[in-house]
Amino acid sequence: MTVSFLTRIVSIVAAFAVTVAIVCFPRWIAVDMNTVPHGWLVCLLLGMSAAYVHGFGFVPENRYLKFFFSPIVAWPLMLLGAAMIISN
């Protein structure tokens, strides 16, 4: 197994875990609509989306998009968003 294949697996599993957590346990994010941490939720969802793109193997030709859809960006965004949501 190559490193690229393993990072794709980690990306897809992490993105799926975030999806399941948000859909099945929305109270982890906020108890009502007025207390949703929108900034950190956006950070978490951007990381999740980038991890899905990387996990499914799409590689854009544009170098900026290639960087954005990499685990270098996706994983820290998911970690930061989740950490800040949990700490609130």
Protein backbone atom coordinates (compact mmCIF):
# COMPACT_ATOMS: atom_id res chain seq x y z
CA MET A 1 0.00 0.00 0.00
CA THR A 2 1.25 3.42 -0.86
CA VAL A 3 1.16 6.49 1.36
CA SER A 4 -1.26 8.16 -1.04
CA PHE A 5 -3.71 5.28 -0.74
CA LEU A 6 -3.49 5.31 3.06
CA THR A 7 -4.05 9.07 3.26
CA ARG A 8 -7.08 8.70 1.00
CA ILE A 9 -8.50 6.05 3.32
CA VAL A 10 -7.89 8.23 6.39
CA SER A 11 -9.51 11.20 4.60
CA ILE A 12 -12.63 9.32 3.59
CA VAL A 13 -13.04 7.70 7.02
CA ALA A 14 -12.56 11.02 8.83
CA ALA A 15 -15.01 12.81 6.54
CA PHE A 16 -17.56 10.04 6.97
CA ALA A 17 -17.13 10.15 10.77
CA VAL A 18 -17.77 13.91 10.79
CA THR A 19 -20.83 13.42 8.59
CA VAL A 20 -22.25 10.71 10.85
CA ALA A 21 -21.56 12.77 13.98
CA ILE A 22 -23.29 15.86 12.59
CA VAL A 23 -26.31 13.98 11.21
CA CYS A 24 -26.84 11.59 14.13
CA PHE A 25 -25.83 13.86 17.01
CA PRO A 26 -26.66 17.47 16.08
CA ARG A 27 -26.83 18.41 19.76
CA TRP A 28 -23.03 18.04 19.87
CA ILE A 29 -22.93 21.15 17.70
CA ALA A 30 -25.58 23.21 19.50
CA VAL A 31 -28.65 22.72 21.67
CA ASP A 32 -30.76 25.17 19.66
CA MET A 33 -30.57 27.25 16.49
CA ASN A 34 -29.43 30.37 18.35
CA THR A 35 -26.23 28.86 19.74
CA VAL A 36 -24.74 27.34 16.58
CA PRO A 37 -21.05 28.32 16.27
CA HIS A 38 -21.36 29.16 12.57
CA GLY A 39 -17.71 30.12 12.01
CA TRP A 40 -16.33 26.91 13.46
CA LEU A 41 -19.04 24.82 11.82
CA VAL A 42 -18.02 26.27 8.44
CA CYS A 43 -14.40 25.39 9.22
CA LEU A 44 -15.40 21.82 10.09
CA LEU A 45 -17.59 21.43 6.99
CA LEU A 46 -14.93 22.84 4.64
CA GLY A 47 -12.42 20.37 6.04
CA MET A 48 -14.93 17.56 5.69
CA SER A 49 -15.66 18.51 2.08
CA ALA A 50 -11.98 18.74 1.19
CA ALA A 51 -11.39 15.35 2.84
CA TYR A 52 -14.19 13.79 0.76
CA VAL A 53 -12.70 15.21 -2.44
CA HIS A 54 -9.24 13.91 -1.53
CA GLY A 55 -10.58 10.58 -0.30
CA PHE A 56 -12.46 9.86 -3.51
CA GLY A 57 -9.32 10.55 -5.50
CA PHE A 58 -10.11 13.74 -7.40
CA VAL A 59 -6.91 15.64 -8.23
CA PRO A 60 -7.51 19.09 -9.76
CA GLU A 61 -5.10 20.56 -12.28
CA ASN A 62 -5.12 24.00 -10.62
CA ARG A 63 -2.28 24.09 -8.09
CA TYR A 64 -4.28 26.12 -5.54
CA LEU A 65 -7.20 23.70 -5.63
CA LYS A 66 -4.79 20.78 -5.53
CA PHE A 67 -3.36 22.23 -2.31
CA PHE A 68 -6.81 22.93 -0.83
CA PHE A 69 -8.07 19.41 -1.54
CA SER A 70 -5.12 17.79 0.18
CA PRO A 71 -4.86 16.31 3.67
CA ILE A 72 -2.49 19.15 4.57
CA VAL A 73 -5.51 21.47 4.57
CA ALA A 74 -8.46 19.11 5.14
CA TRP A 75 -7.30 17.37 8.31
CA PRO A 76 -6.31 20.49 10.27
CA LEU A 77 -9.57 22.21 9.28
CA MET A 78 -11.58 19.27 10.59
CA LEU A 79 -9.53 19.05 13.78
CA LEU A 80 -9.67 22.77 14.45
CA GLY A 81 -13.40 23.02 13.76
CA ALA A 82 -14.21 19.99 15.91
CA ALA A 83 -11.96 21.14 18.75
CA MET A 84 -13.47 24.61 18.84
CA ILE A 85 -17.04 23.30 18.65
CA ILE A 86 -16.41 20.80 21.45
CA SER A 87 -14.72 23.41 23.64
CA ASN A 88 -17.78 25.73 23.51
